[in-house]
Amino acid sequence: MKQTVQKPNYGFNQQELELAQGELKVALIFADYSSAAYSRGKLKHAIDARSKAKSLCMRATARLTAGNH
């Protein structure tokens, strides 16, 4: 019989944790796009993508810290 190991949630609501993880994954996509756009000289696209990545990181952080008060 195979035993499944649960990932620790460190006191976070599982749904909130999954949403924050999803937001951070999308933020990484925007950060990668920002870097690529910057290297191609597309500064407006790079700035916009970086702004979206930063916003998603802040939202994920707020989501996780709001649940732990």
Protein backbone atom coordinates (compact mmCIF):
# COMPACT_ATOMS: atom_id res chain seq x y z
CA MET A 1 0.00 0.00 0.00
CA LYS A 2 1.41 3.37 -1.03
CA GLN A 3 1.30 6.04 1.61
CA THR A 4 0.73 9.61 0.45
CA VAL A 5 2.60 12.39 2.14
CA GLN A 6 0.75 15.64 2.64
CA LYS A 7 2.56 18.89 2.05
CA PRO A 8 2.64 21.09 5.14
CA ASN A 9 0.47 24.19 4.85
CA TYR A 10 2.28 26.12 7.62
CA GLY A 11 -1.01 27.38 9.05
CA PHE A 12 -2.32 28.79 5.76
CA ASN A 13 -5.79 28.11 4.42
CA GLN A 14 -5.26 25.55 1.63
CA GLN A 15 -7.37 27.45 -0.91
CA GLU A 16 -5.58 30.73 -0.17
CA LEU A 17 -2.22 28.98 -0.41
CA GLU A 18 -3.09 27.50 -3.81
CA LEU A 19 -4.32 30.87 -5.09
CA ALA A 20 -1.13 32.58 -3.91
CA GLN A 21 1.00 29.90 -5.56
CA GLY A 22 -0.88 30.40 -8.81
CA GLU A 23 -0.39 34.17 -8.63
CA LEU A 24 3.32 33.71 -8.03
CA LYS A 25 3.65 31.34 -10.99
CA VAL A 26 2.00 33.92 -13.25
CA ALA A 27 4.25 36.61 -11.75
CA LEU A 28 7.27 34.53 -12.82
CA ILE A 29 5.91 34.36 -16.35
CA PHE A 30 5.58 38.16 -16.42
CA ALA A 31 9.07 38.56 -14.95
CA ASP A 32 10.53 36.30 -17.65
CA TYR A 33 8.65 38.21 -20.33
CA SER A 34 9.87 41.50 -18.87
CA SER A 35 13.46 40.32 -19.02
CA ALA A 36 13.10 39.13 -22.60
CA ALA A 37 11.40 42.36 -23.67
CA TYR A 38 14.13 44.42 -22.01
CA SER A 39 16.85 42.48 -23.82
CA ARG A 40 15.09 43.17 -27.14
CA GLY A 41 14.86 46.89 -26.35
CA LYS A 42 11.09 46.84 -25.84
CA LEU A 43 11.20 49.00 -22.72
CA LYS A 44 7.48 49.78 -22.55
CA HIS A 45 6.60 46.08 -22.67
CA ALA A 46 9.32 45.31 -20.12
CA ILE A 47 8.04 47.96 -17.70
CA ASP A 48 4.41 46.85 -18.12
CA ALA A 49 5.26 43.19 -17.52
CA ARG A 50 7.43 44.04 -14.51
CA SER A 51 4.59 46.10 -13.06
CA LYS A 52 2.17 43.18 -13.47
CA ALA A 53 4.66 40.79 -11.86
CA LYS A 54 5.16 43.14 -8.93
CA SER A 55 1.40 43.55 -8.50
CA LEU A 56 0.85 39.79 -8.46
CA CYS A 57 3.63 39.30 -5.90
CA MET A 58 2.10 41.95 -3.68
CA ARG A 59 -1.35 40.37 -4.03
CA ALA A 60 -0.01 36.91 -3.13
CA THR A 61 1.84 38.35 -0.14
CA ALA A 62 -1.26 40.19 1.05
CA ARG A 63 -3.34 37.03 0.60
CA LEU A 64 -0.98 34.99 2.76
CA THR A 65 -0.38 37.62 5.45
CA ALA A 66 -4.09 38.51 5.77
CA GLY A 67 -4.90 34.93 6.72
CA ASN A 68 -2.37 34.80 9.55
CA HIS A 69 -3.53 37.60 11.85
